[in-house]
Amino acid sequence: MTETAEITYCQENIKAVYHELFDEALERYNAKQTRADRRIENYYEKIRSGKQEKPFHEIILQVGNKDDMSADSDEGRLAAAVLDEYMKAFQERNPNLRVFSAHLHMDEATPHLHIDFVPFTVGSKRGLDTRVSLKQALAAQGFKGGTRGDTEWSQWVRSEKEQLSAVMERHGIEWEDKGTHDKHLSVLDYKKEQRAKEIAALETVKAEKESQVESQERRLKELAPAVKDMERLAADFSADPEEILPEAGTLESAKSYREKKAKPLLAKIVKVLRSLYRAYMELRGKFDRLQGDYDRVREGNARLSDRLMEVKLENKKLRQISADYTRVKRVFGPEQVAAAVEADKQREQAEKGHKRPRRSLDWGGR
């Protein structure tokens, strides 16, 4: 592989690719329609303006990072060779993903591969017999999907990682799965996915905290009547027997009444009540601690709600950025957008190049 700032594997007009893939199917579909309003004049515009499918999909891959695979190093050139070999087998490996734009960029910190493709399925019973469908395109290649977290796309991504890993091994590079390389497949999609995961995690924690709050509220309500009863009893009977005994009647001497009847009985009552009072104090302590736990959980739940709102707003902004980017590509065309992005990257690279000697000079002066 010759050393260059960029390798262009293909760069076709997406509208021309749509004509190639779907014109015959579109003609067959329109021929069956008896109503003029059901005929499709421009399949590309129908998909572009619709909400069910994207007109094309893109992935971005890189090997390593700027620290271990910088573009201007031998390791970076090795990474570029890996991506080059991976790309050359991509279309054959994915016959239902029609690649119309593919570039290997070497002019940034780390070599990376950018692939744009149109997913399509044939033999469809609904709509055009050959039509745009990511789900069906991947299903035709053996990725059937399963649970919500195990979709056709996620299965295909894992398979492509394995293909890339095999190429790396052939070049003597050991695959180290750090769980971070997903971002190179689609930066915006990855960030949105991470925000969605964070939202789901926060929702789970929030639900757990709310459940704790409800449980503690029930316990507080159950304890409240008992605490009030204990407080009333404690106030009524915690005094010394000497202070609450009634005076003797006319038929019995005061001493006899107090010593033989009233005092022993009240002593027993007060003993029981004092035991109850100690139990009440323990119960009151538990009640106060539970109230404190309840307040802390409510406060933590409020913070979680605030964080959840922040993450949802951030995710909304990311979705808007992604939608705006798609609109820009739709209006100006992927070719012009890619050219503008490359021009800006080259400008940034040039600015970095101008700053580097000054930085070296500063270091040398120390």
Protein backbone atom coordinates (compact mmCIF):
# COMPACT_ATOMS: atom_id res chain seq x y z
CA MET A 1 0.00 0.00 0.00
CA THR A 2 1.51 3.33 -1.08
CA GLU A 3 1.75 6.10 1.49
CA THR A 4 -0.79 8.86 0.86
CA ALA A 5 -3.04 11.19 2.84
CA GLU A 6 -6.16 9.41 1.63
CA ILE A 7 -7.20 6.34 -0.32
CA THR A 8 -10.50 6.53 -2.20
CA TYR A 9 -11.96 3.09 -2.86
CA CYS A 10 -15.13 4.43 -4.45
CA GLN A 11 -17.03 7.70 -4.70
CA GLU A 12 -20.33 7.32 -6.55
CA ASN A 13 -23.38 9.55 -6.67
CA ILE A 14 -25.98 8.06 -4.36
CA LYS A 15 -28.81 8.90 -6.77
CA ALA A 16 -27.07 6.94 -9.52
CA VAL A 17 -26.72 4.00 -7.13
CA TYR A 18 -30.46 4.17 -6.39
CA HIS A 19 -31.19 4.03 -10.13
CA GLU A 20 -28.91 1.01 -10.44
CA LEU A 21 -30.46 -0.86 -7.52
CA PHE A 22 -34.15 0.03 -7.70
CA ASP A 23 -35.23 1.29 -11.15
CA GLU A 24 -36.37 -2.11 -12.41
CA ALA A 25 -38.22 -2.89 -9.17
CA LEU A 26 -39.79 0.58 -9.25
CA GLU A 27 -41.03 0.00 -12.80
CA ARG A 28 -42.58 -3.34 -11.80
CA TYR A 29 -44.21 -1.76 -8.75
CA ASN A 30 -45.71 1.17 -10.67
CA ALA A 31 -47.02 -1.13 -13.40
CA LYS A 32 -49.18 -2.91 -10.81
CA GLN A 33 -50.75 0.27 -9.45
CA THR A 34 -54.24 1.14 -10.68
CA ARG A 35 -54.28 4.49 -8.88
CA ALA A 36 -51.94 7.25 -9.97
CA ASP A 37 -51.47 8.54 -6.41
CA ARG A 38 -49.90 5.21 -5.39
CA ARG A 39 -47.19 5.36 -8.02
CA ILE A 40 -43.69 6.40 -6.95
CA GLU A 41 -41.96 8.93 -9.18
CA ASN A 42 -38.60 9.11 -7.40
CA TYR A 43 -37.67 6.30 -5.01
CA TYR A 44 -34.63 8.13 -3.60
CA GLU A 45 -36.73 11.18 -2.68
CA LYS A 46 -39.41 8.96 -1.16
CA ILE A 47 -36.87 7.29 1.14
CA ARG A 48 -35.05 10.56 1.87
CA SER A 49 -38.23 12.35 2.95
CA GLY A 50 -39.73 9.35 4.74
CA LYS A 51 -39.23 8.20 8.33
CA GLN A 52 -39.06 4.40 8.04
CA GLU A 53 -35.61 4.02 6.47
CA LYS A 54 -32.48 6.12 6.05
CA PRO A 55 -31.33 6.63 2.43
CA PHE A 56 -27.88 5.31 3.44
CA HIS A 57 -25.84 4.28 6.48
CA GLU A 58 -22.24 4.93 7.43
CA ILE A 59 -19.59 3.38 9.66
CA ILE A 60 -16.21 4.71 10.78
CA LEU A 61 -13.48 2.31 11.92
CA GLN A 62 -10.00 2.79 13.28
CA VAL A 63 -7.32 0.58 14.82
CA GLY A 64 -5.72 1.83 18.03
CA ASN A 65 -5.48 5.50 18.94
CA LYS A 66 -3.16 8.48 18.46
CA ASP A 67 -0.89 7.22 21.25
CA ASP A 68 -0.13 3.78 19.80
CA MET A 69 -1.16 4.09 16.13
CA SER A 70 -0.47 7.69 15.10
CA ALA A 71 -0.85 8.24 11.36
CA ASP A 72 2.74 9.36 10.75
CA SER A 73 4.36 6.38 12.53
CA ASP A 74 5.22 2.86 11.37
CA GLU A 75 2.45 1.55 13.62
CA GLY A 76 0.00 3.95 11.98
CA ARG A 77 0.99 2.74 8.54
CA LEU A 78 0.47 -0.83 9.76
CA ALA A 79 -3.01 0.15 11.02
CA ALA A 80 -3.73 1.64 7.59
CA ALA A 81 -2.69 -1.64 5.94
CA VAL A 82 -5.10 -3.51 8.24
CA LEU A 83 -7.98 -1.20 7.35
CA ASP A 84 -7.07 -1.42 3.66
CA GLU A 85 -7.26 -5.23 3.69
CA TYR A 86 -10.49 -5.12 5.70
CA MET A 87 -12.07 -2.71 3.20
CA LYS A 88 -11.13 -4.73 0.12
CA ALA A 89 -13.21 -7.67 1.38
CA PHE A 90 -16.08 -5.59 2.78
CA GLN A 91 -18.36 -5.53 -0.28
CA GLU A 92 -17.93 -9.24 -1.02
CA ARG A 93 -18.66 -10.06 2.61
CA ASN A 94 -21.73 -7.78 2.63
CA PRO A 95 -23.53 -8.26 -0.70
CA ASN A 96 -26.70 -6.56 0.58
CA LEU A 97 -24.87 -3.39 1.64
CA ARG A 98 -24.10 -1.50 -1.58
CA VAL A 99 -21.03 0.65 -0.88
CA PHE A 100 -21.03 3.92 -2.81
CA SER A 101 -18.42 5.89 -0.86
CA ALA A 102 -15.36 4.56 0.99
CA HIS A 103 -12.22 6.44 2.05
CA LEU A 104 -9.18 5.62 4.17
CA HIS A 105 -8.00 8.83 5.82
CA MET A 106 -4.35 9.17 6.86
CA ASP A 107 -4.25 12.93 7.41
CA GLU A 108 -5.48 12.91 11.02
CA ALA A 109 -4.10 11.64 14.33
CA THR A 110 -5.05 8.01 13.65
CA PRO A 111 -5.83 6.22 10.35
CA HIS A 112 -9.54 5.62 10.00
CA LEU A 113 -11.85 4.10 7.41
CA HIS A 114 -15.15 5.78 6.43
CA ILE A 115 -17.72 3.63 4.58
CA ASP A 116 -21.15 4.75 3.26
CA PHE A 117 -23.57 2.12 1.97
CA VAL A 118 -27.18 1.55 0.89
CA PRO A 119 -28.77 -1.54 2.52
CA PHE A 120 -31.24 -3.36 0.27
CA THR A 121 -33.31 -6.52 0.20
CA VAL A 122 -34.67 -8.51 -2.76
CA GLY A 123 -37.81 -10.63 -3.08
CA SER A 124 -39.84 -8.43 -0.78
CA LYS A 125 -43.59 -9.12 -0.61
CA ARG A 126 -44.39 -5.55 0.45
CA GLY A 127 -43.78 -2.45 -1.65
CA LEU A 128 -40.98 -2.73 -4.18
CA ASP A 129 -39.69 -6.28 -4.55
CA THR A 130 -36.18 -4.79 -4.24
CA ARG A 131 -36.21 -2.03 -1.65
CA VAL A 132 -34.21 -0.22 1.01
CA SER A 133 -34.18 -2.06 4.36
CA LEU A 134 -31.33 -2.32 6.84
CA LYS A 135 -33.09 -4.98 8.93
CA GLN A 136 -33.90 -7.21 5.94
CA ALA A 137 -30.52 -6.63 4.29
CA LEU A 138 -28.72 -7.87 7.41
CA ALA A 139 -31.23 -10.70 7.86
CA ALA A 140 -30.42 -11.86 4.31
CA GLN A 141 -26.77 -12.06 5.39
CA GLY A 142 -27.65 -14.28 8.35
CA PHE A 143 -28.20 -11.76 11.14
CA LYS A 144 -31.70 -12.52 12.38
CA GLY A 145 -31.84 -10.44 15.54
CA GLY A 146 -33.27 -11.49 18.85
CA THR A 147 -33.85 -9.45 21.97
CA ARG A 148 -33.97 -5.67 22.06
CA GLY A 149 -30.28 -5.54 22.87
CA ASP A 150 -29.37 -8.17 20.30
CA THR A 151 -30.60 -6.67 17.04
CA GLU A 152 -29.53 -7.46 13.48
CA TRP A 153 -27.31 -4.36 13.59
CA SER A 154 -25.57 -5.29 16.85
CA GLN A 155 -24.98 -8.85 15.58
CA TRP A 156 -23.54 -7.50 12.33
CA VAL A 157 -21.28 -5.06 14.19
CA ARG A 158 -19.89 -7.91 16.32
CA SER A 159 -19.28 -9.97 13.18
CA GLU A 160 -17.43 -7.09 11.50
CA LYS A 161 -15.29 -6.61 14.60
CA GLU A 162 -14.33 -10.27 14.38
CA GLN A 163 -13.41 -9.80 10.72
CA LEU A 164 -11.27 -6.78 11.61
CA SER A 165 -9.69 -8.73 14.47
CA ALA A 166 -8.75 -11.55 12.08
CA VAL A 167 -7.06 -9.08 9.72
CA MET A 168 -5.19 -7.54 12.65
CA GLU A 169 -3.91 -10.95 13.73
CA ARG A 170 -2.64 -11.63 10.21
CA HIS A 171 -0.62 -8.43 10.50
CA GLY A 172 0.72 -9.37 13.93
CA ILE A 173 -1.49 -7.01 15.95
CA GLU A 174 -3.18 -8.44 19.03
CA TRP A 175 -6.83 -7.51 19.45
CA GLU A 176 -7.45 -5.90 22.82
CA ASP A 177 -11.16 -5.48 23.47
CA LYS A 178 -11.43 -2.54 25.85
CA GLY A 179 -15.10 -1.99 25.15
CA THR A 180 -14.39 1.46 23.72
CA HIS A 181 -13.94 0.74 20.01
CA ASP A 182 -17.67 0.89 19.38
CA LYS A 183 -17.43 4.65 19.05
CA HIS A 184 -15.46 4.34 15.83
CA LEU A 185 -18.41 2.69 14.09
CA SER A 186 -20.57 5.78 14.45
CA VAL A 187 -19.59 8.57 16.80
CA LEU A 188 -22.96 10.27 17.09
CA ASP A 189 -24.87 6.97 17.29
CA TYR A 190 -22.44 5.73 19.95
CA LYS A 191 -22.86 8.89 22.04
CA LYS A 192 -26.63 8.69 21.74
CA GLU A 193 -26.49 5.02 22.70
CA GLN A 194 -24.35 5.81 25.75
CA ARG A 195 -26.75 8.58 26.82
CA ALA A 196 -29.65 6.18 26.36
CA LYS A 197 -27.85 3.61 28.53
CA GLU A 198 -27.17 6.26 31.17
CA ILE A 199 -30.82 7.31 31.10
CA ALA A 200 -31.93 3.68 31.47
CA ALA A 201 -29.50 3.19 34.38
CA LEU A 202 -30.70 6.38 36.06
CA GLU A 203 -34.31 5.36 35.53
CA THR A 204 -33.56 2.03 37.20
CA VAL A 205 -31.82 3.68 40.16
CA LYS A 206 -34.61 6.23 40.43
CA ALA A 207 -37.23 3.46 40.46
CA GLU A 208 -35.27 1.65 43.19
CA LYS A 209 -35.04 4.85 45.25
CA GLU A 210 -38.75 5.54 44.78
CA SER A 211 -39.49 2.00 45.92
CA GLN A 212 -37.33 2.59 49.02
CA VAL A 213 -39.14 5.86 49.70
CA GLU A 214 -42.53 4.16 49.41
CA SER A 215 -41.41 1.34 51.70
CA GLN A 216 -40.10 3.78 54.31
CA GLU A 217 -43.24 5.89 54.06
CA ARG A 218 -45.32 2.79 54.81
CA ARG A 219 -43.12 1.93 57.79
CA LEU A 220 -43.33 5.49 59.09
CA LYS A 221 -47.14 5.43 58.82
CA GLU A 222 -47.24 2.10 60.66
CA LEU A 223 -44.98 3.38 63.43
CA ALA A 224 -46.65 6.77 63.83
CA PRO A 225 -49.76 5.59 65.81
CA ALA A 226 -47.65 3.40 68.09
CA VAL A 227 -45.27 6.29 68.77
CA LYS A 228 -48.16 8.62 69.62
CA ASP A 229 -49.71 6.03 71.97
CA MET A 230 -46.36 5.49 73.67
CA GLU A 231 -45.87 9.23 74.09
CA ARG A 232 -49.31 9.57 75.68
CA LEU A 233 -48.76 6.62 78.02
CA ALA A 234 -45.31 7.86 78.92
CA ALA A 235 -46.66 11.29 79.79
CA ASP A 236 -49.49 9.85 81.88
CA PHE A 237 -47.60 7.22 83.84
CA SER A 238 -43.92 8.02 83.96
CA ALA A 239 -44.24 9.97 87.24
CA ASP A 240 -43.21 8.41 90.58
CA PRO A 241 -45.95 6.39 92.39
CA GLU A 242 -45.74 8.77 95.35
CA GLU A 243 -47.07 11.59 93.16
CA ILE A 244 -50.07 9.83 91.60
CA LEU A 245 -51.54 7.76 94.47
CA PRO A 246 -55.02 8.87 95.64
CA GLU A 247 -55.66 9.77 99.25
CA ALA A 248 -57.11 7.14 101.63
CA GLY A 249 -60.88 6.79 102.06
CA THR A 250 -62.89 7.17 105.25
CA LEU A 251 -63.11 3.45 105.85
CA GLU A 252 -59.41 2.83 105.77
CA SER A 253 -56.46 4.57 107.23
CA ALA A 254 -54.23 6.39 104.82
CA LYS A 255 -51.20 4.35 105.73
CA SER A 256 -52.99 1.03 105.35
CA TYR A 257 -54.44 2.03 101.96
CA ARG A 258 -51.22 3.35 100.60
CA GLU A 259 -48.94 0.59 101.85
CA LYS A 260 -51.12 -2.50 101.38
CA LYS A 261 -53.13 -1.79 98.23
CA ALA A 262 -52.39 1.25 96.20
CA LYS A 263 -48.64 1.46 96.39
CA PRO A 264 -47.85 -2.20 95.46
CA LEU A 265 -50.34 -2.09 92.60
CA LEU A 266 -49.06 1.18 91.22
CA ALA A 267 -45.47 0.03 91.63
CA LYS A 268 -46.21 -2.91 89.36
CA ILE A 269 -48.01 -0.67 86.86
CA VAL A 270 -45.20 1.86 86.79
CA LYS A 271 -42.63 -0.93 86.41
CA VAL A 272 -44.48 -2.20 83.35
CA LEU A 273 -44.92 1.30 81.97
CA ARG A 274 -41.28 2.18 82.50
CA SER A 275 -40.37 -0.98 80.61
CA LEU A 276 -42.73 0.15 77.87
CA TYR A 277 -41.18 3.61 77.99
CA ARG A 278 -37.71 2.16 77.41
CA ALA A 279 -39.13 0.20 74.48
CA TYR A 280 -40.72 3.42 73.27
CA MET A 281 -37.39 5.25 73.42
CA GLU A 282 -35.77 2.50 71.37
CA LEU A 283 -38.68 2.64 68.95
CA ARG A 284 -38.40 6.41 68.81
CA GLY A 285 -34.70 6.11 67.98
CA LYS A 286 -35.47 3.70 65.16
CA PHE A 287 -38.20 6.03 63.98
CA ASP A 288 -35.81 9.01 63.90
CA ARG A 289 -33.14 7.00 62.08
CA LEU A 290 -35.71 5.80 59.58
CA GLN A 291 -36.90 9.37 59.11
CA GLY A 292 -33.30 10.41 58.44
CA ASP A 293 -32.83 7.60 55.92
CA TYR A 294 -36.08 8.59 54.28
CA ASP A 295 -34.99 12.22 53.97
CA ARG A 296 -31.62 11.23 52.53
CA VAL A 297 -33.22 8.91 49.98
CA ARG A 298 -35.67 11.63 48.94
CA GLU A 299 -32.80 14.09 48.57
CA GLY A 300 -30.81 11.56 46.51
CA ASN A 301 -33.87 10.86 44.42
CA ALA A 302 -34.25 14.58 43.72
CA ARG A 303 -30.61 14.74 42.58
CA LEU A 304 -31.17 11.71 40.36
CA SER A 305 -34.20 13.41 38.83
CA ASP A 306 -32.11 16.49 38.08
CA ARG A 307 -29.34 14.39 36.51
CA LEU A 308 -31.89 12.40 34.54
CA MET A 309 -33.32 15.61 33.12
CA GLU A 310 -29.80 16.84 32.21
CA VAL A 311 -29.00 13.58 30.39
CA LYS A 312 -32.33 13.61 28.55
CA LEU A 313 -31.68 17.18 27.40
CA GLU A 314 -28.16 16.22 26.31
CA ASN A 315 -29.53 13.22 24.41
CA LYS A 316 -32.11 15.47 22.76
CA LYS A 317 -29.31 17.81 21.63
CA LEU A 318 -27.35 14.85 20.23
CA ARG A 319 -30.39 13.68 18.29
CA GLN A 320 -30.81 17.19 16.92
CA ILE A 321 -27.13 17.35 15.92
CA SER A 322 -27.47 13.98 14.18
CA ALA A 323 -30.66 15.09 12.42
CA ASP A 324 -29.07 18.39 11.36
CA TYR A 325 -26.03 16.56 9.98
CA THR A 326 -28.30 14.24 8.01
CA ARG A 327 -30.22 17.24 6.65
CA VAL A 328 -26.99 18.95 5.59
CA LYS A 329 -25.87 15.82 3.75
CA ARG A 330 -29.31 15.51 2.21
CA VAL A 331 -29.39 19.12 0.99
CA PHE A 332 -25.79 19.51 -0.17
CA GLY A 333 -25.04 15.87 -0.94
CA PRO A 334 -22.60 13.58 0.91
CA GLU A 335 -19.81 14.42 -1.53
CA GLN A 336 -19.88 18.17 -0.86
CA VAL A 337 -20.21 17.67 2.89
CA ALA A 338 -17.29 15.22 2.90
CA ALA A 339 -15.22 17.70 0.89
CA ALA A 340 -16.05 20.54 3.30
CA VAL A 341 -15.16 18.38 6.30
CA GLU A 342 -11.86 17.36 4.72
CA ALA A 343 -11.04 21.00 3.92
CA ASP A 344 -11.66 21.98 7.53
CA LYS A 345 -9.55 19.06 8.78
CA GLN A 346 -6.68 20.12 6.52
CA ARG A 347 -6.98 23.68 7.82
CA GLU A 348 -6.79 22.45 11.43
CA GLN A 349 -3.83 20.23 10.54
CA ALA A 350 -2.07 23.20 8.94
CA GLU A 351 -2.66 25.33 12.03
CA LYS A 352 -1.24 22.57 14.22
CA GLY A 353 1.78 22.39 11.93
CA HIS A 354 2.43 26.12 12.32
CA LYS A 355 2.15 25.93 16.10
CA ARG A 356 4.43 22.90 16.53
CA PRO A 357 7.84 24.64 15.92
CA ARG A 358 6.97 27.35 18.41
CA ARG A 359 6.12 24.74 21.00
CA SER A 360 9.39 22.90 20.34
CA LEU A 361 11.27 26.17 20.68
CA ASP A 362 9.61 26.86 24.00
CA TRP A 363 10.62 23.45 25.30
CA GLY A 364 14.17 23.92 24.09
CA GLY A 365 14.43 27.17 26.00
CA ARG A 366 13.80 25.54 29.34
